[in-house]
Full PDB file with SEQRES, HELIX, SHEET, SSBOND, CRYST1, ORIGX, SCALE, CONECT and MASTER records, all heavy atoms in Angstrom:
SEQRES   1 A   41  ILE TYR ILE ARG ASP HIS HIS GLY ALA TYR ALA GLU SER          
SEQRES   2 A   41  TYR GLY LYS ILE ALA ARG VAL LEU GLN ARG GLU VAL VAL          
SEQRES   3 A   41  GLY SER ASP GLU GLU LYS THR MET SER ASN GLY GLU LEU          
SEQRES   4 A   41  LEU ASN                                                      
HELIX    1 AA1 TYR A    2  LEU A   21  1                                  20    
HELIX    2 AA2 GLN A   22  VAL A   26  3                                   5    
HELIX    3 AA3 ASN A   36  LEU A   40  1                                   5    
CRYST1    1.000    1.000    1.000  90.00  90.00  90.00 P 1           1          
ORIGX1      1.000000  0.000000  0.000000        0.00000                         
ORIGX2      0.000000  1.000000  0.000000        0.00000                         
ORIGX3      0.000000  0.000000  1.000000        0.00000                         
SCALE1      1.000000  0.000000  0.000000        0.00000                         
SCALE2      0.000000  1.000000  0.000000        0.00000                         
SCALE3      0.000000  0.000000  1.000000        0.00000                         
ATOM      1  N   ILE A   1      -2.008  -8.829  24.741  1.00  0.00           N  
ATOM      2  CA  ILE A   1      -1.425  -8.744  26.085  1.00  0.00           C  
ATOM      3  C   ILE A   1      -1.934  -7.494  26.804  1.00  0.00           C  
ATOM      4  O   ILE A   1      -2.345  -7.554  27.966  1.00  0.00           O  
ATOM      5  CB  ILE A   1       0.117  -8.746  26.007  1.00  0.00           C  
ATOM      6  CG1 ILE A   1       0.613 -10.089  25.472  1.00  0.00           C  
ATOM      7  CG2 ILE A   1       0.729  -8.453  27.376  1.00  0.00           C  
ATOM      8  CD1 ILE A   1       2.112 -10.147  25.269  1.00  0.00           C  
ATOM      9  N   TYR A   2      -1.930  -6.362  26.098  1.00  0.00           N  
ATOM     10  CA  TYR A   2      -2.425  -5.119  26.711  1.00  0.00           C  
ATOM     11  C   TYR A   2      -3.912  -5.251  27.050  1.00  0.00           C  
ATOM     12  O   TYR A   2      -4.351  -4.844  28.125  1.00  0.00           O  
ATOM     13  CB  TYR A   2      -2.220  -3.934  25.765  1.00  0.00           C  
ATOM     14  CG  TYR A   2      -2.642  -2.607  26.386  1.00  0.00           C  
ATOM     15  CD1 TYR A   2      -1.718  -1.819  27.066  1.00  0.00           C  
ATOM     16  CD2 TYR A   2      -3.967  -2.172  26.314  1.00  0.00           C  
ATOM     17  CE1 TYR A   2      -2.100  -0.624  27.653  1.00  0.00           C  
ATOM     18  CE2 TYR A   2      -4.356  -0.982  26.896  1.00  0.00           C  
ATOM     19  CZ  TYR A   2      -3.423  -0.210  27.571  1.00  0.00           C  
ATOM     20  OH  TYR A   2      -3.819   0.962  28.167  1.00  0.00           O  
ATOM     21  N   ILE A   3      -4.677  -5.831  26.136  1.00  0.00           N  
ATOM     22  CA  ILE A   3      -6.116  -5.971  26.374  1.00  0.00           C  
ATOM     23  C   ILE A   3      -6.373  -6.844  27.596  1.00  0.00           C  
ATOM     24  O   ILE A   3      -7.202  -6.511  28.447  1.00  0.00           O  
ATOM     25  CB  ILE A   3      -6.810  -6.544  25.122  1.00  0.00           C  
ATOM     26  CG1 ILE A   3      -6.750  -5.519  23.976  1.00  0.00           C  
ATOM     27  CG2 ILE A   3      -8.268  -6.896  25.428  1.00  0.00           C  
ATOM     28  CD1 ILE A   3      -7.270  -6.043  22.655  1.00  0.00           C  
ATOM     29  N   ARG A   4      -5.662  -7.965  27.705  1.00  0.00           N  
ATOM     30  CA  ARG A   4      -5.842  -8.852  28.860  1.00  0.00           C  
ATOM     31  C   ARG A   4      -5.486  -8.133  30.169  1.00  0.00           C  
ATOM     32  O   ARG A   4      -6.127  -8.327  31.195  1.00  0.00           O  
ATOM     33  CB  ARG A   4      -4.971 -10.099  28.715  1.00  0.00           C  
ATOM     34  CG  ARG A   4      -5.418 -11.048  27.604  1.00  0.00           C  
ATOM     35  CD  ARG A   4      -4.641 -12.355  27.663  1.00  0.00           C  
ATOM     36  NE  ARG A   4      -4.930 -13.195  26.511  1.00  0.00           N  
ATOM     37  CZ  ARG A   4      -4.080 -13.405  25.508  1.00  0.00           C  
ATOM     38  NH1 ARG A   4      -2.882 -12.840  25.540  1.00  0.00           N  
ATOM     39  NH2 ARG A   4      -4.399 -14.179  24.494  1.00  0.00           N  
ATOM     40  N   ASP A   5      -4.455  -7.282  30.117  1.00  0.00           N  
ATOM     41  CA  ASP A   5      -3.992  -6.598  31.326  1.00  0.00           C  
ATOM     42  C   ASP A   5      -4.903  -5.452  31.759  1.00  0.00           C  
ATOM     43  O   ASP A   5      -4.928  -5.084  32.939  1.00  0.00           O  
ATOM     44  CB  ASP A   5      -2.573  -6.047  31.115  1.00  0.00           C  
ATOM     45  CG  ASP A   5      -1.518  -7.144  31.068  1.00  0.00           C  
ATOM     46  OD1 ASP A   5      -1.840  -8.281  31.491  1.00  0.00           O  
ATOM     47  OD2 ASP A   5      -0.397  -6.876  30.614  1.00  0.00           O  
ATOM     48  N   HIS A   6      -5.657  -4.863  30.818  1.00  0.00           N  
ATOM     49  CA  HIS A   6      -6.381  -3.636  31.134  1.00  0.00           C  
ATOM     50  C   HIS A   6      -7.899  -3.724  30.966  1.00  0.00           C  
ATOM     51  O   HIS A   6      -8.616  -2.827  31.421  1.00  0.00           O  
ATOM     52  CB  HIS A   6      -5.860  -2.479  30.255  1.00  0.00           C  
ATOM     53  CG  HIS A   6      -4.434  -2.112  30.535  1.00  0.00           C  
ATOM     54  ND1 HIS A   6      -3.366  -2.781  29.973  1.00  0.00           N  
ATOM     55  CD2 HIS A   6      -3.907  -1.159  31.340  1.00  0.00           C  
ATOM     56  CE1 HIS A   6      -2.242  -2.247  30.398  1.00  0.00           C  
ATOM     57  NE2 HIS A   6      -2.524  -1.270  31.229  1.00  0.00           N  
ATOM     58  N   HIS A   7      -8.396  -4.768  30.323  1.00  0.00           N  
ATOM     59  CA  HIS A   7      -9.845  -4.862  30.090  1.00  0.00           C  
ATOM     60  C   HIS A   7     -10.632  -4.879  31.399  1.00  0.00           C  
ATOM     61  O   HIS A   7     -11.639  -4.175  31.540  1.00  0.00           O  
ATOM     62  CB  HIS A   7     -10.171  -6.116  29.271  1.00  0.00           C  
ATOM     63  CG  HIS A   7     -11.644  -6.401  29.203  1.00  0.00           C  
ATOM     64  ND1 HIS A   7     -12.488  -5.800  28.299  1.00  0.00           N  
ATOM     65  CD2 HIS A   7     -12.437  -7.219  29.973  1.00  0.00           C  
ATOM     66  CE1 HIS A   7     -13.726  -6.225  28.505  1.00  0.00           C  
ATOM     67  NE2 HIS A   7     -13.724  -7.089  29.505  1.00  0.00           N  
ATOM     68  N   GLY A   8     -10.186  -5.675  32.364  1.00  0.00           N  
ATOM     69  CA  GLY A   8     -10.926  -5.816  33.618  1.00  0.00           C  
ATOM     70  C   GLY A   8     -11.066  -4.502  34.353  1.00  0.00           C  
ATOM     71  O   GLY A   8     -12.164  -4.160  34.846  1.00  0.00           O  
ATOM     72  N   ALA A   9      -9.978  -3.722  34.432  1.00  0.00           N  
ATOM     73  CA  ALA A   9     -10.027  -2.432  35.127  1.00  0.00           C  
ATOM     74  C   ALA A   9     -10.959  -1.464  34.411  1.00  0.00           C  
ATOM     75  O   ALA A   9     -11.705  -0.705  35.053  1.00  0.00           O  
ATOM     76  CB  ALA A   9      -8.624  -1.834  35.222  1.00  0.00           C  
ATOM     77  N   TYR A  10     -10.933  -1.508  33.071  1.00  0.00           N  
ATOM     78  CA  TYR A  10     -11.824  -0.621  32.308  1.00  0.00           C  
ATOM     79  C   TYR A  10     -13.289  -0.985  32.534  1.00  0.00           C  
ATOM     80  O   TYR A  10     -14.126  -0.109  32.784  1.00  0.00           O  
ATOM     81  CB  TYR A  10     -11.497  -0.698  30.817  1.00  0.00           C  
ATOM     82  CG  TYR A  10     -12.518   0.002  29.962  1.00  0.00           C  
ATOM     83  CD1 TYR A  10     -12.620   1.389  29.969  1.00  0.00           C  
ATOM     84  CD2 TYR A  10     -13.413  -0.723  29.184  1.00  0.00           C  
ATOM     85  CE1 TYR A  10     -13.585   2.037  29.207  1.00  0.00           C  
ATOM     86  CE2 TYR A  10     -14.373  -0.093  28.422  1.00  0.00           C  
ATOM     87  CZ  TYR A  10     -14.454   1.289  28.429  1.00  0.00           C  
ATOM     88  OH  TYR A  10     -15.410   1.925  27.688  1.00  0.00           O  
ATOM     89  N   ALA A  11     -13.603  -2.270  32.438  1.00  0.00           N  
ATOM     90  CA  ALA A  11     -14.993  -2.702  32.631  1.00  0.00           C  
ATOM     91  C   ALA A  11     -15.487  -2.342  34.031  1.00  0.00           C  
ATOM     92  O   ALA A  11     -16.625  -1.893  34.206  1.00  0.00           O  
ATOM     93  CB  ALA A  11     -15.111  -4.212  32.396  1.00  0.00           C  
ATOM     94  N   GLU A  12     -14.637  -2.513  35.023  1.00  0.00           N  
ATOM     95  CA  GLU A  12     -15.012  -2.160  36.399  1.00  0.00           C  
ATOM     96  C   GLU A  12     -15.251  -0.659  36.527  1.00  0.00           C  
ATOM     97  O   GLU A  12     -16.225  -0.232  37.161  1.00  0.00           O  
ATOM     98  CB  GLU A  12     -13.902  -2.598  37.357  1.00  0.00           C  
ATOM     99  CG  GLU A  12     -14.225  -2.328  38.827  1.00  0.00           C  
ATOM    100  CD  GLU A  12     -13.120  -2.780  39.755  1.00  0.00           C  
ATOM    101  OE1 GLU A  12     -12.182  -3.455  39.293  1.00  0.00           O  
ATOM    102  OE2 GLU A  12     -13.191  -2.447  40.960  1.00  0.00           O  
ATOM    103  N   SER A  13     -14.387   0.148  35.915  1.00  0.00           N  
ATOM    104  CA  SER A  13     -14.545   1.605  35.983  1.00  0.00           C  
ATOM    105  C   SER A  13     -15.809   2.063  35.262  1.00  0.00           C  
ATOM    106  O   SER A  13     -16.515   2.964  35.730  1.00  0.00           O  
ATOM    107  CB  SER A  13     -13.317   2.293  35.368  1.00  0.00           C  
ATOM    108  OG  SER A  13     -12.154   2.003  36.105  1.00  0.00           O  
ATOM    109  N   TYR A  14     -16.101   1.446  34.115  1.00  0.00           N  
ATOM    110  CA  TYR A  14     -17.295   1.811  33.350  1.00  0.00           C  
ATOM    111  C   TYR A  14     -18.554   1.546  34.172  1.00  0.00           C  
ATOM    112  O   TYR A  14     -19.445   2.392  34.273  1.00  0.00           O  
ATOM    113  CB  TYR A  14     -17.337   1.018  32.051  1.00  0.00           C  
ATOM    114  CG  TYR A  14     -18.249   1.586  30.989  1.00  0.00           C  
ATOM    115  CD1 TYR A  14     -17.747   2.417  29.998  1.00  0.00           C  
ATOM    116  CD2 TYR A  14     -19.608   1.283  30.964  1.00  0.00           C  
ATOM    117  CE1 TYR A  14     -18.574   2.932  29.012  1.00  0.00           C  
ATOM    118  CE2 TYR A  14     -20.437   1.792  29.988  1.00  0.00           C  
ATOM    119  CZ  TYR A  14     -19.915   2.626  29.006  1.00  0.00           C  
ATOM    120  OH  TYR A  14     -20.742   3.138  28.044  1.00  0.00           O  
ATOM    121  N   GLY A  15     -18.605   0.368  34.781  1.00  0.00           N  
ATOM    122  CA  GLY A  15     -19.759   0.030  35.613  1.00  0.00           C  
ATOM    123  C   GLY A  15     -19.889   0.945  36.813  1.00  0.00           C  
ATOM    124  O   GLY A  15     -20.992   1.349  37.186  1.00  0.00           O  
ATOM    125  N   LYS A  16     -18.756   1.288  37.433  1.00  0.00           N  
ATOM    126  CA  LYS A  16     -18.776   2.159  38.610  1.00  0.00           C  
ATOM    127  C   LYS A  16     -19.288   3.550  38.250  1.00  0.00           C  
ATOM    128  O   LYS A  16     -20.144   4.112  38.951  1.00  0.00           O  
ATOM    129  CB  LYS A  16     -17.377   2.262  39.211  1.00  0.00           C  
ATOM    130  CG  LYS A  16     -17.303   3.157  40.441  1.00  0.00           C  
ATOM    131  CD  LYS A  16     -15.889   3.212  41.002  1.00  0.00           C  
ATOM    132  CE  LYS A  16     -15.817   4.155  42.199  1.00  0.00           C  
ATOM    133  NZ  LYS A  16     -14.425   4.245  42.728  1.00  0.00           N  
ATOM    134  N   ILE A  17     -18.784   4.122  37.147  1.00  0.00           N  
ATOM    135  CA  ILE A  17     -19.237   5.443  36.708  1.00  0.00           C  
ATOM    136  C   ILE A  17     -20.732   5.427  36.422  1.00  0.00           C  
ATOM    137  O   ILE A  17     -21.468   6.356  36.788  1.00  0.00           O  
ATOM    138  CB  ILE A  17     -18.462   5.886  35.454  1.00  0.00           C  
ATOM    139  CG1 ILE A  17     -17.036   6.295  35.815  1.00  0.00           C  
ATOM    140  CG2 ILE A  17     -19.167   7.038  34.746  1.00  0.00           C  
ATOM    141  CD1 ILE A  17     -16.914   7.623  36.535  1.00  0.00           C  
ATOM    142  N   ALA A  18     -21.206   4.356  35.779  1.00  0.00           N  
ATOM    143  CA  ALA A  18     -22.638   4.261  35.463  1.00  0.00           C  
ATOM    144  C   ALA A  18     -23.471   4.228  36.741  1.00  0.00           C  
ATOM    145  O   ALA A  18     -24.522   4.881  36.828  1.00  0.00           O  
ATOM    146  CB  ALA A  18     -22.909   3.022  34.613  1.00  0.00           C  
ATOM    147  N   ARG A  19     -23.010   3.485  37.753  1.00  0.00           N  
ATOM    148  CA  ARG A  19     -23.764   3.403  39.010  1.00  0.00           C  
ATOM    149  C   ARG A  19     -23.777   4.747  39.740  1.00  0.00           C  
ATOM    150  O   ARG A  19     -24.817   5.155  40.278  1.00  0.00           O  
ATOM    151  CB  ARG A  19     -23.171   2.316  39.905  1.00  0.00           C  
ATOM    152  CG  ARG A  19     -23.414   0.894  39.407  1.00  0.00           C  
ATOM    153  CD  ARG A  19     -23.037  -0.144  40.440  1.00  0.00           C  
ATOM    154  NE  ARG A  19     -21.613  -0.140  40.750  1.00  0.00           N  
ATOM    155  CZ  ARG A  19     -20.700  -0.828  40.071  1.00  0.00           C  
ATOM    156  NH1 ARG A  19     -21.068  -1.573  39.030  1.00  0.00           N  
ATOM    157  NH2 ARG A  19     -19.429  -0.795  40.424  1.00  0.00           N  
ATOM    158  N   VAL A  20     -22.647   5.439  39.747  1.00  0.00           N  
ATOM    159  CA  VAL A  20     -22.575   6.737  40.424  1.00  0.00           C  
ATOM    160  C   VAL A  20     -23.462   7.762  39.719  1.00  0.00           C  
ATOM    161  O   VAL A  20     -24.198   8.518  40.363  1.00  0.00           O  
ATOM    162  CB  VAL A  20     -21.117   7.233  40.494  1.00  0.00           C  
ATOM    163  CG1 VAL A  20     -21.063   8.664  41.008  1.00  0.00           C  
ATOM    164  CG2 VAL A  20     -20.285   6.327  41.391  1.00  0.00           C  
ATOM    165  N   LEU A  21     -23.414   7.785  38.396  1.00  0.00           N  
ATOM    166  CA  LEU A  21     -24.256   8.722  37.641  1.00  0.00           C  
ATOM    167  C   LEU A  21     -25.732   8.391  37.834  1.00  0.00           C  
ATOM    168  O   LEU A  21     -26.578   9.294  37.918  1.00  0.00           O  
ATOM    169  CB  LEU A  21     -23.895   8.671  36.157  1.00  0.00           C  
ATOM    170  CG  LEU A  21     -22.569   9.331  35.774  1.00  0.00           C  
ATOM    171  CD1 LEU A  21     -22.250   9.060  34.306  1.00  0.00           C  
ATOM    172  CD2 LEU A  21     -22.609  10.831  36.030  1.00  0.00           C  
ATOM    173  N   GLN A  22     -26.053   7.113  37.894  1.00  0.00           N  
ATOM    174  CA  GLN A  22     -27.439   6.716  38.143  1.00  0.00           C  
ATOM    175  C   GLN A  22     -27.920   7.267  39.475  1.00  0.00           C  
ATOM    176  O   GLN A  22     -29.017   7.820  39.580  1.00  0.00           O  
ATOM    177  CB  GLN A  22     -27.538   5.192  38.139  1.00  0.00           C  
ATOM    178  CG  GLN A  22     -28.926   4.633  38.429  1.00  0.00           C  
ATOM    179  CD  GLN A  22     -29.868   4.772  37.261  1.00  0.00           C  
ATOM    180  OE1 GLN A  22     -29.444   4.652  36.116  1.00  0.00           O  
ATOM    181  NE2 GLN A  22     -31.130   5.013  37.514  1.00  0.00           N  
ATOM    182  N   ARG A  23     -27.087   7.145  40.487  1.00  0.00           N  
ATOM    183  CA  ARG A  23     -27.466   7.586  41.827  1.00  0.00           C  
ATOM    184  C   ARG A  23     -27.489   9.110  41.956  1.00  0.00           C  
ATOM    185  O   ARG A  23     -28.440   9.675  42.483  1.00  0.00           O  
ATOM    186  CB  ARG A  23     -26.494   7.000  42.851  1.00  0.00           C  
ATOM    187  CG  ARG A  23     -26.836   7.367  44.297  1.00  0.00           C  
ATOM    188  CD  ARG A  23     -25.880   6.701  45.273  1.00  0.00           C  
ATOM    189  NE  ARG A  23     -24.519   7.203  45.151  1.00  0.00           N  
ATOM    190  CZ  ARG A  23     -23.498   6.488  44.709  1.00  0.00           C  
ATOM    191  NH1 ARG A  23     -23.669   5.231  44.341  1.00  0.00           N  
ATOM    192  NH2 ARG A  23     -22.282   7.004  44.620  1.00  0.00           N  
ATOM    193  N   GLU A  24     -26.452   9.787  41.427  1.00  0.00           N  
ATOM    194  CA  GLU A  24     -26.289  11.214  41.667  1.00  0.00           C  
ATOM    195  C   GLU A  24     -27.060  12.095  40.686  1.00  0.00           C  
ATOM    196  O   GLU A  24     -27.430  13.222  41.025  1.00  0.00           O  
ATOM    197  CB  GLU A  24     -24.801  11.587  41.609  1.00  0.00           C  
ATOM    198  CG  GLU A  24     -23.934  10.871  42.631  1.00  0.00           C  
ATOM    199  CD  GLU A  24     -24.271  11.258  44.057  1.00  0.00           C  
ATOM    200  OE1 GLU A  24     -24.820  12.356  44.267  1.00  0.00           O  
ATOM    201  OE2 GLU A  24     -23.997  10.464  44.976  1.00  0.00           O  
ATOM    202  N   VAL A  25     -27.281  11.606  39.459  1.00  0.00           N  
ATOM    203  CA  VAL A  25     -27.895  12.449  38.429  1.00  0.00           C  
ATOM    204  C   VAL A  25     -29.271  11.953  38.010  1.00  0.00           C  
ATOM    205  O   VAL A  25     -30.236  12.712  37.982  1.00  0.00           O  
ATOM    206  CB  VAL A  25     -26.975  12.550  37.194  1.00  0.00           C  
ATOM    207  CG1 VAL A  25     -27.602  13.443  36.124  1.00  0.00           C  
ATOM    208  CG2 VAL A  25     -25.604  13.085  37.594  1.00  0.00           C  
ATOM    209  N   VAL A  26     -29.359  10.663  37.693  1.00  0.00           N  
ATOM    210  CA  VAL A  26     -30.648  10.120  37.226  1.00  0.00           C  
ATOM    211  C   VAL A  26     -31.634  10.012  38.376  1.00  0.00           C  
ATOM    212  O   VAL A  26     -32.823  10.270  38.227  1.00  0.00           O  
ATOM    213  CB  VAL A  26     -30.446   8.762  36.536  1.00  0.00           C  
ATOM    214  CG1 VAL A  26     -31.782   8.188  36.075  1.00  0.00           C  
ATOM    215  CG2 VAL A  26     -29.495   8.909  35.353  1.00  0.00           C  
ATOM    216  N   GLY A  27     -31.135   9.625  39.572  1.00  0.00           N  
ATOM    217  CA  GLY A  27     -32.037   9.675  40.711  1.00  0.00           C  
ATOM    218  C   GLY A  27     -32.062   8.477  41.609  1.00  0.00           C  
ATOM    219  O   GLY A  27     -32.504   8.568  42.736  1.00  0.00           O  
ATOM    220  N   SER A  28     -31.601   7.314  41.134  1.00  0.00           N  
ATOM    221  CA  SER A  28     -31.644   6.129  41.983  1.00  0.00           C  
ATOM    222  C   SER A  28     -30.616   5.133  41.502  1.00  0.00           C  
ATOM    223  O   SER A  28     -30.373   5.008  40.307  1.00  0.00           O  
ATOM    224  CB  SER A  28     -33.036   5.484  41.959  1.00  0.00           C  
ATOM    225  OG  SER A  28     -33.013   4.241  42.615  1.00  0.00           O  
ATOM    226  N   ASP A  29     -29.987   4.420  42.423  1.00  0.00           N  
ATOM    227  CA  ASP A  29     -29.049   3.369  42.027  1.00  0.00           C  
ATOM    228  C   ASP A  29     -29.660   1.982  42.194  1.00  0.00           C  
ATOM    229  O   ASP A  29     -28.987   0.979  42.110  1.00  0.00           O  
ATOM    230  CB  ASP A  29     -27.757   3.454  42.846  1.00  0.00           C  
ATOM    231  CG  ASP A  29     -27.995   3.247  44.335  1.00  0.00           C  
ATOM    232  OD1 ASP A  29     -29.170   3.218  44.732  1.00  0.00           O  
ATOM    233  OD2 ASP A  29     -27.009   3.110  45.083  1.00  0.00           O  
ATOM    234  N   GLU A  30     -30.981   1.956  42.420  1.00  0.00           N  
ATOM    235  CA  GLU A  30     -31.640   0.661  42.576  1.00  0.00           C  
ATOM    236  C   GLU A  30     -32.071   0.138  41.214  1.00  0.00           C  
ATOM    237  O   GLU A  30     -32.837   0.762  40.502  1.00  0.00           O  
ATOM    238  CB  GLU A  30     -32.869   0.806  43.489  1.00  0.00           C  
ATOM    239  CG  GLU A  30     -32.517   1.148  44.928  1.00  0.00           C  
ATOM    240  CD  GLU A  30     -33.751   1.233  45.794  1.00  0.00           C  
ATOM    241  OE1 GLU A  30     -34.858   0.966  45.269  1.00  0.00           O  
ATOM    242  OE2 GLU A  30     -33.623   1.566  46.974  1.00  0.00           O  
ATOM    243  N   GLU A  31     -31.561  -1.009  40.853  1.00  0.00           N  
ATOM    244  CA  GLU A  31     -31.896  -1.611  39.574  1.00  0.00           C  
ATOM    245  C   GLU A  31     -33.258  -2.297  39.675  1.00  0.00           C  
ATOM    246  O   GLU A  31     -33.544  -2.985  40.643  1.00  0.00           O  
ATOM    247  CB  GLU A  31     -30.814  -2.616  39.205  1.00  0.00           C  
ATOM    248  CG  GLU A  31     -30.891  -3.093  37.778  1.00  0.00           C  
ATOM    249  CD  GLU A  31     -29.691  -3.967  37.448  1.00  0.00           C  
ATOM    250  OE1 GLU A  31     -29.358  -4.837  38.277  1.00  0.00           O  
ATOM    251  OE2 GLU A  31     -29.089  -3.778  36.390  1.00  0.00           O  
ATOM    252  N   LYS A  32     -34.070  -2.110  38.679  1.00  0.00           N  
ATOM    253  CA  LYS A  32     -35.394  -2.721  38.656  1.00  0.00           C  
ATOM    254  C   LYS A  32     -35.262  -4.229  38.500  1.00  0.00           C  
ATOM    255  O   LYS A  32     -34.511  -4.720  37.659  1.00  0.00           O  
ATOM    256  CB  LYS A  32     -36.198  -2.151  37.481  1.00  0.00           C  
ATOM    257  CG  LYS A  32     -37.531  -2.858  37.267  1.00  0.00           C  
ATOM    258  CD  LYS A  32     -38.172  -2.401  35.977  1.00  0.00           C  
ATOM    259  CE  LYS A  32     -39.412  -3.222  35.662  1.00  0.00           C  
ATOM    260  NZ  LYS A  32     -39.998  -2.866  34.341  1.00  0.00           N  
ATOM    261  N   THR A  33     -35.990  -4.963  39.336  1.00  0.00           N  
ATOM    262  CA  THR A  33     -36.036  -6.421  39.208  1.00  0.00           C  
ATOM    263  C   THR A  33     -37.296  -6.793  38.438  1.00  0.00           C  
ATOM    264  O   THR A  33     -38.408  -6.489  38.863  1.00  0.00           O  
ATOM    265  CB  THR A  33     -36.033  -7.101  40.583  1.00  0.00           C  
ATOM    266  OG1 THR A  33     -34.837  -6.752  41.278  1.00  0.00           O  
ATOM    267  CG2 THR A  33     -36.103  -8.607  40.420  1.00  0.00           C  
ATOM    268  N   MET A  34     -37.114  -7.432  37.308  1.00  0.00           N  
ATOM    269  CA  MET A  34     -38.247  -7.809  36.465  1.00  0.00           C  
ATOM    270  C   MET A  34     -38.712  -9.209  36.860  1.00  0.00           C  
ATOM    271  O   MET A  34     -37.920 -10.149  36.921  1.00  0.00           O  
ATOM    272  CB  MET A  34     -37.841  -7.781  34.988  1.00  0.00           C  
ATOM    273  CG  MET A  34     -38.993  -8.068  34.031  1.00  0.00           C  
ATOM    274  SD  MET A  34     -38.497  -7.954  32.276  1.00  0.00           S  
ATOM    275  CE  MET A  34     -38.203  -6.193  32.115  1.00  0.00           C  
ATOM    276  N   SER A  35     -40.007  -9.342  37.133  1.00  0.00           N  
ATOM    277  CA  SER A  35     -40.563 -10.641  37.499  1.00  0.00           C  
ATOM    278  C   SER A  35     -40.575 -11.559  36.285  1.00  0.00           C  
ATOM    279  O   SER A  35     -40.495 -11.100  35.140  1.00  0.00           O  
ATOM    280  CB  SER A  35     -41.987 -10.474  38.032  1.00  0.00           C  
ATOM    281  OG  SER A  35     -42.862 -10.079  36.989  1.00  0.00           O  
ATOM    282  N   ASN A  36     -40.693 -12.860  36.537  1.00  0.00           N  
ATOM    283  CA  ASN A  36     -40.755 -13.814  35.430  1.00  0.00           C  
ATOM    284  C   ASN A  36     -41.968 -13.560  34.545  1.00  0.00           C  
ATOM    285  O   ASN A  36     -41.909 -13.728  33.320  1.00  0.00           O  
ATOM    286  CB  ASN A  36     -40.790 -15.242  35.972  1.00  0.00           C  
ATOM    287  CG  ASN A  36     -39.436 -15.689  36.499  1.00  0.00           C  
ATOM    288  OD1 ASN A  36     -38.414 -15.073  36.199  1.00  0.00           O  
ATOM    289  ND2 ASN A  36     -39.423 -16.751  37.294  1.00  0.00           N  
ATOM    290  N   GLY A  37     -43.075 -13.125  35.170  1.00  0.00           N  
ATOM    291  CA  GLY A  37     -44.283 -12.831  34.391  1.00  0.00           C  
ATOM    292  C   GLY A  37     -44.048 -11.662  33.438  1.00  0.00           C  
ATOM    293  O   GLY A  37     -44.436 -11.718  32.261  1.00  0.00           O  
ATOM    294  N   GLU A  38     -43.420 -10.586  33.948  1.00  0.00           N  
ATOM    295  CA  GLU A  38     -43.116  -9.434  33.092  1.00  0.00           C  
ATOM    296  C   GLU A  38     -42.153  -9.830  31.976  1.00  0.00           C  
ATOM    297  O   GLU A  38     -42.300  -9.391  30.823  1.00  0.00           O  
ATOM    298  CB  GLU A  38     -42.494  -8.315  33.924  1.00  0.00           C  
ATOM    299  CG  GLU A  38     -43.445  -7.645  34.903  1.00  0.00           C  
ATOM    300  CD  GLU A  38     -42.725  -6.623  35.761  1.00  0.00           C  
ATOM    301  OE1 GLU A  38     -41.781  -7.020  36.484  1.00  0.00           O  
ATOM    302  OE2 GLU A  38     -43.080  -5.426  35.687  1.00  0.00           O  
ATOM    303  N   LEU A  39     -41.170 -10.660  32.329  1.00  0.00           N  
ATOM    304  CA  LEU A  39     -40.197 -11.098  31.331  1.00  0.00           C  
ATOM    305  C   LEU A  39     -40.875 -11.887  30.218  1.00  0.00           C  
ATOM    306  O   LEU A  39     -40.604 -11.668  29.028  1.00  0.00           O  
ATOM    307  CB  LEU A  39     -39.116 -11.939  32.005  1.00  0.00           C  
ATOM    308  CG  LEU A  39     -38.067 -12.575  31.082  1.00  0.00           C  
ATOM    309  CD1 LEU A  39     -37.343 -11.506  30.260  1.00  0.00           C  
ATOM    310  CD2 LEU A  39     -37.065 -13.394  31.889  1.00  0.00           C  
ATOM    311  N   LEU A  40     -41.772 -12.771  30.573  1.00  0.00           N  
ATOM    312  CA  LEU A  40     -42.472 -13.576  29.560  1.00  0.00           C  
ATOM    313  C   LEU A  40     -43.349 -12.707  28.674  1.00  0.00           C  
ATOM    314  O   LEU A  40     -43.451 -12.941  27.460  1.00  0.00           O  
ATOM    315  CB  LEU A  40     -43.292 -14.672  30.241  1.00  0.00           C  
ATOM    316  CG  LEU A  40     -42.470 -15.766  30.951  1.00  0.00           C  
ATOM    317  CD1 LEU A  40     -43.393 -16.746  31.657  1.00  0.00           C  
ATOM    318  CD2 LEU A  40     -41.562 -16.491  29.978  1.00  0.00           C  
ATOM    319  N   ASN A  41     -44.006 -11.699  29.267  1.00  0.00           N  
ATOM    320  CA  ASN A  41     -44.821 -10.768  28.463  1.00  0.00           C  
ATOM    321  C   ASN A  41     -43.948 -10.007  27.465  1.00  0.00           C  
ATOM    322  O   ASN A  41     -44.303  -9.841  26.288  1.00  0.00           O  
ATOM    323  CB  ASN A  41     -45.551  -9.777  29.372  1.00  0.00           C  
ATOM    324  CG  ASN A  41     -46.705 -10.416  30.114  1.00  0.00           C  
ATOM    325  OD1 ASN A  41     -47.255 -11.428  29.665  1.00  0.00           O  
ATOM    326  ND2 ASN A  41     -47.077  -9.855  31.240  1.00  0.00           N  
TER     327      ASN A  41                                                      
MASTER        0    0    0    3    0    0    0    6  326    1    0    4          
END                                                                             
């Protein structure tokens, strides 16, 4: 019951922190789009 009530908020917060750190510390919040050719390689 606790997991069902709180998992969604935790997952959302984890993703948000990762995006903010990517933008503010790592340097960019733009995720690389991999082409189908690169994916197959």
